[in-house]
Amino acid sequence: MQILRFTTAGSVDDGKSTLIGRLLYDSKSIFEDQIEAVKKSSEKKGLAHVDLSLLTDGLKDEREQGITIDVAYRFFATPKRKFIIADTPGHIQYTRNMVTGASTANLALILIDARKGVVEQTCRHSFIASLLQIPHVIVCVNKMDLVDYAEEQFDKIVEQYKEFAAKLNVKDIRFVPISALHGDNIVNRSENMGWYQGETLLHTLETIHIGNDKNLIDCRFPVQTVIRPHSNEHHDYRGYAGRIVGGIFKPGDKVLVLPSGFSSTIKSIDTYDGPVQEAFPPMSVTMTLEDDIDISRGDMIVRENNQPEVSQDLDVMLCWLNPRGPALNGKYILRHTSNEVRTMIKEVLYKVDINTLHRIEDDKDVRMNEISRVRLRTTKPLLADSYTRNRHTGSLILVDEATNETVAAGMII
């Protein structure tokens, strides 16, 4: 079955955790003992209703304060599709957690409180979704029960959001009026909003087309490890294992090994379930080649006539994740696909005001949760595409050499 990864985003108290709890509850994806535990916790808090947000907010501080602090991953399935949900926090100081949860998502659910409309955090999270090239956005106008299910209020928020989204790079935006607390338009169609003729949220999640989201043109296969069984059955076997991040590979294809530049032909493509006649993202496979070539972790197998950029100088949009800001000319470990090199921040070009999308060129002091454009210099050339072309070969992380902390996530321009 196809897997859809999606993330929730929005301001504080917009109902992200409650929405996910409602999705899990109404789609019968939680056990009876979990429901009983949530009911007891809700009674202890003196609530008249079952607080479904407790299904995802598992940390002690989250339950005490009624907020989401860390990213919570939840899994559920329907007969049509499997889902992996990243419930991300809404507070400004947890923007880095939202970046982490959204980095692998196919789709973003952006919640807006029907009473408040588009607020600063709506813009912030929508910009991050655009920056991370999430192809699909569903804007859920929540708490419609608190505005008497008024169509005029929904239409007003849709216009507000469209005006802001015109500045973003998002291909597919849809709008659904919901009440996560009462379950309106989540799994079942709302009887209170007869004026809304669109699909329910779950039906949209089940049917939205994500097959074209992968790059099937540029063939990219970063090698993770070399397979040498040394058994009698596979005495001369030498395979190169990894995950395909772009394009379609078939036995008989002419390929190029980078950075060495040697060319060869694919002999076979093996998987856990046996050999296959074609492989595509995100399959994990082992390739064998017709020629004996020295290939190791960090090398990349590509098509001869379609190669990534090879450069030591990179322009990168950087989301800073660490309380201590970047040091100019500071040295970091850069991890990109299966490769690892050392790098230096040569220059901060500008920071981005997430609320207005304007460039800040007079203040280049980057702090935690801020996004900036920087220039990096690596110790050896990287095999990279732009992030807009391929989210895997265009992304990287920076790691502090001394503490081994991940300090930044970057998108190559």
Protein backbone atom coordinates (compact mmCIF):
# COMPACT_ATOMS: atom_id res chain seq x y z
CA MET A 1 0.00 0.00 0.00
CA GLN A 2 1.09 3.56 -0.70
CA ILE A 3 2.35 5.54 2.30
CA LEU A 4 1.40 9.20 2.75
CA ARG A 5 3.51 11.20 5.20
CA PHE A 6 1.92 14.39 6.43
CA THR A 7 2.62 17.01 9.07
CA THR A 8 0.37 19.31 11.04
CA ALA A 9 1.19 22.99 11.45
CA GLY A 10 -0.46 26.10 12.78
CA SER A 11 -0.55 28.46 15.73
CA VAL A 12 -0.85 27.52 19.40
CA ASP A 13 -4.26 26.08 20.39
CA ASP A 14 -5.48 25.80 16.79
CA GLY A 15 -6.31 22.15 17.53
CA LYS A 16 -3.55 20.18 15.77
CA SER A 17 -3.30 17.39 18.36
CA THR A 18 -7.09 17.24 18.74
CA LEU A 19 -7.45 16.89 14.96
CA ILE A 20 -5.03 13.95 14.86
CA GLY A 21 -6.74 12.40 17.87
CA ARG A 22 -10.08 12.76 16.07
CA LEU A 23 -8.64 11.19 12.89
CA LEU A 24 -7.31 8.22 14.88
CA TYR A 25 -10.53 7.89 16.90
CA ASP A 26 -13.03 8.17 14.03
CA SER A 27 -11.01 5.89 11.73
CA LYS A 28 -10.96 3.21 14.51
CA SER A 29 -7.16 3.29 14.67
CA ILE A 30 -6.70 3.26 18.47
CA PHE A 31 -7.17 0.52 21.04
CA GLU A 32 -9.87 0.45 23.73
CA ASP A 33 -7.34 0.75 26.56
CA GLN A 34 -5.89 3.89 24.96
CA ILE A 35 -9.35 5.45 24.76
CA GLU A 36 -10.04 4.52 28.41
CA ALA A 37 -6.73 6.08 29.51
CA VAL A 38 -7.54 9.30 27.64
CA LYS A 39 -11.07 9.38 29.14
CA LYS A 40 -9.64 9.04 32.68
CA SER A 41 -7.04 11.77 32.02
CA SER A 42 -9.79 14.07 30.67
CA GLU A 43 -11.91 13.45 33.80
CA LYS A 44 -8.92 14.24 36.05
CA LYS A 45 -8.52 17.56 34.24
CA GLY A 46 -12.21 18.28 34.90
CA LEU A 47 -13.21 18.30 31.23
CA ALA A 48 -16.77 17.58 30.12
CA HIS A 49 -15.51 16.05 26.85
CA VAL A 50 -12.80 13.52 25.92
CA ASP A 51 -9.54 15.41 25.24
CA LEU A 52 -8.34 13.62 22.08
CA SER A 53 -5.12 15.70 21.99
CA LEU A 54 -3.81 13.43 24.78
CA LEU A 55 -3.44 10.66 22.16
CA THR A 56 -0.43 12.48 20.71
CA ASP A 57 0.75 14.78 23.53
CA GLY A 58 2.64 12.20 25.58
CA LEU A 59 5.22 14.33 27.43
CA LYS A 60 4.44 15.33 31.03
CA ASP A 61 4.88 19.05 30.27
CA GLU A 62 2.66 18.74 27.19
CA ARG A 63 -0.20 17.24 29.19
CA GLU A 64 0.16 19.74 32.05
CA GLN A 65 0.26 22.81 29.79
CA GLY A 66 -2.03 21.53 27.04
CA ILE A 67 0.55 22.28 24.32
CA THR A 68 2.73 20.30 21.91
CA ILE A 69 6.49 20.64 22.52
CA ASP A 70 8.18 17.83 20.59
CA VAL A 71 7.30 16.16 17.31
CA ALA A 72 5.01 13.15 17.89
CA TYR A 73 4.80 10.53 15.15
CA ARG A 74 1.63 8.47 14.80
CA PHE A 75 0.76 5.69 12.36
CA PHE A 76 -2.60 4.56 11.08
CA ALA A 77 -4.08 2.93 8.00
CA THR A 78 -7.31 2.72 6.07
CA PRO A 79 -8.15 0.15 3.37
CA LYS A 80 -6.84 2.64 0.77
CA ARG A 81 -3.59 3.99 2.22
CA LYS A 82 -1.11 3.96 5.12
CA PHE A 83 -0.34 7.21 6.95
CA ILE A 84 2.57 8.54 8.99
CA ILE A 85 1.64 11.72 10.89
CA ALA A 86 4.09 14.19 12.38
CA ASP A 87 2.27 16.29 15.00
CA THR A 88 4.46 19.39 15.30
CA PRO A 89 4.38 22.22 17.88
CA GLY A 90 2.90 25.66 17.19
CA HIS A 91 5.04 27.91 19.42
CA ILE A 92 7.64 30.15 17.77
CA GLN A 93 10.45 28.74 19.93
CA TYR A 94 9.71 25.24 18.60
CA THR A 95 9.96 26.19 14.92
CA ARG A 96 12.99 23.89 14.60
CA ASN A 97 10.81 20.94 15.69
CA MET A 98 8.34 21.82 12.93
CA VAL A 99 11.19 21.85 10.37
CA THR A 100 12.26 18.38 11.54
CA GLY A 101 8.75 16.93 11.27
CA ALA A 102 8.03 18.52 7.89
CA SER A 103 11.31 17.57 6.20
CA THR A 104 10.02 14.20 4.91
CA ALA A 105 6.32 15.09 4.45
CA ASN A 106 4.33 14.71 1.23
CA LEU A 107 1.60 16.97 2.58
CA ALA A 108 1.10 19.67 5.21
CA LEU A 109 -2.12 20.18 7.18
CA ILE A 110 -2.19 23.84 8.18
CA LEU A 111 -4.78 24.63 10.82
CA ILE A 112 -6.39 28.04 11.18
CA ASP A 113 -8.69 29.04 14.06
CA ALA A 114 -11.97 30.14 12.43
CA ARG A 115 -12.26 32.98 15.00
CA LYS A 116 -8.75 34.41 14.44
CA GLY A 117 -8.10 33.86 10.72
CA VAL A 118 -4.57 33.96 9.26
CA VAL A 119 -2.07 34.84 12.02
CA GLU A 120 1.72 35.17 12.22
CA GLN A 121 2.34 31.45 12.86
CA THR A 122 0.11 30.52 9.90
CA CYS A 123 2.42 32.54 7.66
CA ARG A 124 5.55 31.18 9.35
CA HIS A 125 4.56 27.53 8.93
CA SER A 126 3.25 28.03 5.40
CA PHE A 127 6.58 29.59 4.41
CA ILE A 128 8.50 26.66 5.94
CA ALA A 129 6.22 24.21 4.08
CA SER A 130 7.00 26.11 0.86
CA LEU A 131 10.73 26.24 1.64
CA LEU A 132 10.80 22.49 2.31
CA GLN A 133 9.02 21.92 -1.03
CA ILE A 134 6.04 20.07 0.47
CA PRO A 135 3.96 19.55 -2.70
CA HIS A 136 0.47 19.57 -1.16
CA VAL A 137 -1.13 21.79 1.48
CA ILE A 138 -4.57 21.29 3.03
CA VAL A 139 -5.75 24.35 4.96
CA CYS A 140 -8.14 23.18 7.69
CA VAL A 141 -10.29 26.03 9.04
CA ASN A 142 -10.91 24.58 12.50
CA LYS A 143 -13.35 25.44 15.32
CA MET A 144 -16.15 26.20 12.88
CA ASP A 145 -18.55 25.31 15.72
CA LEU A 146 -17.41 28.47 17.55
CA VAL A 147 -18.48 30.71 14.63
CA ASP A 148 -21.85 28.96 14.18
CA TYR A 149 -20.56 27.12 11.09
CA ALA A 150 -20.76 30.39 9.11
CA GLU A 151 -19.89 30.07 5.41
CA GLU A 152 -18.99 33.80 5.26
CA GLN A 153 -16.24 33.35 7.88
CA PHE A 154 -14.79 30.36 6.00
CA ASP A 155 -14.79 32.28 2.69
CA LYS A 156 -13.11 35.26 4.35
CA ILE A 157 -10.25 33.08 5.71
CA VAL A 158 -9.83 31.35 2.33
CA GLU A 159 -9.33 34.77 0.67
CA GLN A 160 -6.88 35.86 3.40
CA TYR A 161 -4.78 32.73 2.95
CA LYS A 162 -4.82 32.83 -0.85
CA GLU A 163 -3.54 36.42 -0.75
CA PHE A 164 -0.54 35.37 1.38
CA ALA A 165 0.03 32.06 -0.49
CA ALA A 166 0.44 33.93 -3.79
CA LYS A 167 4.01 34.72 -2.58
CA LEU A 168 4.82 31.05 -1.89
CA ASN A 169 5.92 28.14 -4.06
CA VAL A 170 3.18 25.59 -3.31
CA LYS A 171 1.63 23.67 -6.20
CA ASP A 172 -1.57 22.33 -4.62
CA ILE A 173 -3.63 24.10 -1.92
CA ARG A 174 -7.05 22.86 -0.73
CA PHE A 175 -9.42 24.18 1.94
CA VAL A 176 -11.68 22.21 4.32
CA PRO A 177 -13.94 23.68 7.06
CA ILE A 178 -13.80 21.40 10.12
CA SER A 179 -14.48 21.04 13.83
CA ALA A 180 -11.87 18.67 15.28
CA LEU A 181 -13.63 18.64 18.66
CA HIS A 182 -16.98 17.46 17.25
CA GLY A 183 -15.68 15.58 14.18
CA ASP A 184 -17.28 17.78 11.48
CA ASN A 185 -15.82 16.99 8.02
CA ILE A 186 -12.95 14.93 9.49
CA VAL A 187 -14.01 11.39 8.63
CA ASN A 188 -17.74 11.90 8.21
CA ARG A 189 -19.47 14.73 6.34
CA SER A 190 -20.82 17.49 8.60
CA GLU A 191 -24.57 17.93 8.94
CA ASN A 192 -23.94 21.46 10.20
CA MET A 193 -22.25 22.69 7.00
CA GLY A 194 -24.59 21.75 4.16
CA TRP A 195 -23.12 24.65 2.17
CA TYR A 196 -19.75 22.82 1.88
CA GLN A 197 -19.84 20.41 -1.07
CA GLY A 198 -16.16 19.38 -1.03
CA GLU A 199 -14.52 16.21 0.29
CA THR A 200 -13.98 15.32 3.95
CA LEU A 201 -10.43 15.54 5.27
CA LEU A 202 -9.84 11.77 5.41
CA HIS A 203 -11.21 11.25 1.90
CA THR A 204 -8.82 13.96 0.63
CA LEU A 205 -5.89 12.27 2.40
CA GLU A 206 -6.85 8.90 0.92
CA THR A 207 -7.24 10.11 -2.66
CA ILE A 208 -4.72 12.95 -3.14
CA HIS A 209 -2.27 11.98 -5.90
CA ILE A 210 1.34 11.74 -4.68
CA GLY A 211 2.77 9.44 -7.37
CA ASN A 212 4.30 12.35 -9.30
CA ASP A 213 5.96 13.93 -6.25
CA LYS A 214 9.14 11.87 -6.70
CA ASN A 215 11.78 12.89 -9.25
CA LEU A 216 11.68 10.06 -11.80
CA ILE A 217 13.85 11.87 -14.38
CA ASP A 218 17.24 12.40 -12.71
CA CYS A 219 18.72 8.99 -11.81
CA ARG A 220 20.46 9.21 -8.43
CA PHE A 221 21.70 6.27 -6.33
CA PRO A 222 23.95 7.22 -3.38
CA VAL A 223 25.90 4.14 -2.28
CA GLN A 224 25.57 3.34 1.43
CA THR A 225 27.63 0.16 1.69
CA VAL A 226 29.32 -2.57 -0.36
CA ILE A 227 27.86 -6.10 -0.10
CA ARG A 228 30.43 -8.92 -0.17
CA PRO A 229 28.87 -12.15 1.26
CA HIS A 230 32.03 -14.35 0.92
CA SER A 231 29.82 -17.45 0.90
CA ASN A 232 30.16 -20.46 -1.39
CA GLU A 233 26.83 -19.61 -3.01
CA HIS A 234 27.81 -16.00 -3.75
CA HIS A 235 31.58 -16.29 -3.87
CA ASP A 236 32.19 -13.54 -6.46
CA TYR A 237 29.21 -11.33 -5.55
CA ARG A 238 29.97 -7.61 -5.21
CA GLY A 239 26.91 -5.39 -4.83
CA TYR A 240 26.39 -1.73 -3.97
CA ALA A 241 23.53 -1.13 -1.55
CA GLY A 242 21.55 2.02 -0.89
CA ARG A 243 18.25 3.79 -1.42
CA ILE A 244 17.27 5.21 -4.81
CA VAL A 245 16.47 8.92 -4.45
CA GLY A 246 15.73 9.77 -8.09
CA GLY A 247 15.00 8.28 -11.52
CA ILE A 248 14.35 4.72 -12.69
CA PHE A 249 17.15 2.15 -12.99
CA LYS A 250 16.96 -1.08 -15.02
CA PRO A 251 19.43 -3.93 -15.69
CA GLY A 252 21.32 -3.13 -18.88
CA ASP A 253 21.35 0.64 -18.29
CA LYS A 254 24.60 2.48 -18.95
CA VAL A 255 25.65 4.25 -15.73
CA LEU A 256 28.41 6.50 -14.45
CA VAL A 257 30.08 6.24 -11.04
CA LEU A 258 30.90 9.58 -9.41
CA PRO A 259 33.25 11.11 -8.42
CA SER A 260 35.65 8.65 -10.15
CA GLY A 261 33.93 9.10 -13.54
CA PHE A 262 34.17 5.39 -14.52
CA SER A 263 31.28 4.06 -16.61
CA SER A 264 29.70 0.62 -16.56
CA THR A 265 26.42 -1.26 -17.14
CA ILE A 266 23.96 -2.47 -14.51
CA LYS A 267 24.19 -6.24 -14.31
CA SER A 268 21.36 -6.86 -11.83
CA ILE A 269 19.20 -5.09 -9.24
CA ASP A 270 18.52 -7.17 -6.12
CA THR A 271 16.09 -6.58 -3.25
CA TYR A 272 15.20 -8.46 -0.09
CA ASP A 273 12.44 -10.22 -2.03
CA GLY A 274 14.66 -11.11 -5.00
CA PRO A 275 15.83 -9.48 -8.27
CA VAL A 276 13.70 -6.80 -9.98
CA GLN A 277 13.56 -5.49 -13.56
CA GLU A 278 13.28 -1.84 -12.53
CA ALA A 279 13.91 0.19 -9.39
CA PHE A 280 12.67 3.67 -8.45
CA PRO A 281 12.39 5.93 -5.36
CA PRO A 282 12.23 5.16 -2.47
CA MET A 283 13.27 1.52 -3.02
CA SER A 284 16.26 0.12 -1.11
CA VAL A 285 18.23 -2.11 -3.47
CA THR A 286 21.62 -3.66 -4.19
CA MET A 287 23.08 -3.08 -7.66
CA THR A 288 25.74 -5.15 -9.33
CA LEU A 289 27.77 -3.83 -12.28
CA GLU A 290 29.37 -5.56 -15.25
CA ASP A 291 32.80 -4.05 -14.45
CA ASP A 292 34.93 -4.21 -11.29
CA ILE A 293 35.13 -0.60 -10.13
CA ASP A 294 36.34 0.72 -6.77
CA ILE A 295 33.10 2.07 -5.27
CA SER A 296 32.59 2.96 -1.61
CA ARG A 297 30.14 4.72 0.69
CA GLY A 298 29.49 8.31 -0.43
CA ASP A 299 29.89 7.58 -4.16
CA MET A 300 26.88 8.02 -6.44
CA ILE A 301 25.67 5.97 -9.41
CA VAL A 302 23.94 8.12 -12.07
CA ARG A 303 23.10 8.04 -15.79
CA GLU A 304 25.92 9.04 -18.16
CA ASN A 305 23.95 11.87 -19.77
CA ASN A 306 22.35 13.21 -16.56
CA GLN A 307 24.74 14.16 -13.78
CA PRO A 308 24.42 16.23 -10.59
CA GLU A 309 26.38 19.43 -10.02
CA VAL A 310 29.88 18.85 -8.63
CA SER A 311 31.07 21.75 -6.48
CA GLN A 312 32.86 22.74 -3.30
CA ASP A 313 31.02 26.08 -3.06
CA LEU A 314 27.34 25.87 -2.11
CA ASP A 315 24.59 28.47 -1.72
CA VAL A 316 22.23 27.13 0.94
CA MET A 317 19.03 28.19 2.71
CA LEU A 318 19.81 27.24 6.31
CA CYS A 319 17.35 26.64 9.19
CA TRP A 320 19.42 27.13 12.35
CA LEU A 321 18.49 24.60 15.06
CA ASN A 322 20.99 25.27 17.84
CA PRO A 323 20.84 27.78 20.75
CA ARG A 324 24.41 28.86 19.88
CA GLY A 325 24.48 30.72 16.56
CA PRO A 326 26.85 29.94 13.65
CA ALA A 327 30.41 31.19 13.82
CA LEU A 328 31.72 32.89 10.68
CA ASN A 329 34.45 30.66 9.27
CA GLY A 330 33.33 28.10 11.85
CA LYS A 331 34.04 24.50 10.87
CA TYR A 332 31.28 21.89 10.83
CA ILE A 333 30.68 18.34 9.58
CA LEU A 334 28.34 18.36 6.56
CA ARG A 335 26.21 15.26 5.92
CA HIS A 336 24.68 14.92 2.46
CA THR A 337 23.03 11.68 1.20
CA SER A 338 25.51 8.97 2.30
CA ASN A 339 28.48 11.35 2.15
CA GLU A 340 30.23 13.21 4.94
CA VAL A 341 32.67 16.12 4.49
CA ARG A 342 33.96 19.03 6.54
CA THR A 343 32.72 22.50 5.71
CA MET A 344 33.09 26.15 6.63
CA ILE A 345 30.48 28.92 6.67
CA LYS A 346 32.15 31.50 4.42
CA GLU A 347 29.42 34.16 4.39
CA VAL A 348 25.89 34.91 5.63
CA LEU A 349 24.21 36.63 2.66
CA TYR A 350 20.92 37.56 4.37
CA LYS A 351 18.26 36.39 6.79
CA VAL A 352 14.58 35.92 5.90
CA ASP A 353 11.75 37.65 7.77
CA ILE A 354 9.37 34.70 7.85
CA ASN A 355 6.30 36.88 8.39
CA THR A 356 6.81 39.28 5.46
CA LEU A 357 9.21 37.10 3.36
CA HIS A 358 11.52 40.14 3.06
CA ARG A 359 15.31 39.84 3.13
CA ILE A 360 17.15 41.22 6.18
CA GLU A 361 20.57 42.27 4.92
CA ASP A 362 21.66 44.63 7.71
CA ASP A 363 21.44 42.00 10.51
CA LYS A 364 23.40 38.83 9.80
CA ASP A 365 23.53 37.51 13.37
CA VAL A 366 21.69 34.19 12.97
CA ARG A 367 19.86 32.84 16.02
CA MET A 368 17.99 29.61 16.74
CA ASN A 369 14.87 29.01 14.60
CA GLU A 370 15.94 31.68 12.07
CA ILE A 371 16.33 31.02 8.34
CA SER A 372 19.20 32.53 6.35
CA ARG A 373 20.98 32.19 3.06
CA VAL A 374 24.65 31.28 3.50
CA ARG A 375 27.63 30.32 1.41
CA LEU A 376 29.49 27.14 2.36
CA ARG A 377 32.91 25.87 1.30
CA THR A 378 33.53 22.11 1.60
CA THR A 379 36.82 20.22 1.85
CA LYS A 380 35.92 18.06 -1.18
CA PRO A 381 33.34 18.41 -3.98
CA LEU A 382 29.74 17.36 -3.30
CA LEU A 383 27.47 15.62 -5.83
CA ALA A 384 24.30 17.69 -5.43
CA ASP A 385 21.16 18.92 -7.17
CA SER A 386 19.14 21.97 -6.20
CA TYR A 387 16.55 21.25 -3.51
CA THR A 388 13.71 22.26 -5.83
CA ARG A 389 14.84 19.52 -8.24
CA ASN A 390 15.43 16.74 -5.72
CA ARG A 391 14.65 16.94 -1.98
CA HIS A 392 17.18 14.18 -1.17
CA THR A 393 20.26 15.23 -3.15
CA GLY A 394 19.46 18.89 -2.43
CA SER A 395 19.32 18.66 1.37
CA LEU A 396 22.03 18.55 4.01
CA ILE A 397 22.62 18.90 7.73
CA LEU A 398 25.46 20.54 9.65
CA VAL A 399 26.88 18.85 12.74
CA ASP A 400 29.04 20.48 15.41
CA GLU A 401 32.43 18.72 15.46
CA ALA A 402 32.91 19.17 19.20
CA THR A 403 29.45 18.22 20.55
CA ASN A 404 28.12 16.06 17.66
CA GLU A 405 24.87 18.08 17.79
CA THR A 406 22.91 18.71 14.59
CA VAL A 407 23.02 22.52 14.42
CA ALA A 408 21.34 23.26 11.08
CA ALA A 409 19.32 21.81 8.22
CA GLY A 410 19.95 23.17 4.73
CA MET A 411 18.38 23.31 1.28
CA ILE A 412 20.84 23.76 -1.61
CA ILE A 413 19.99 26.59 -4.01
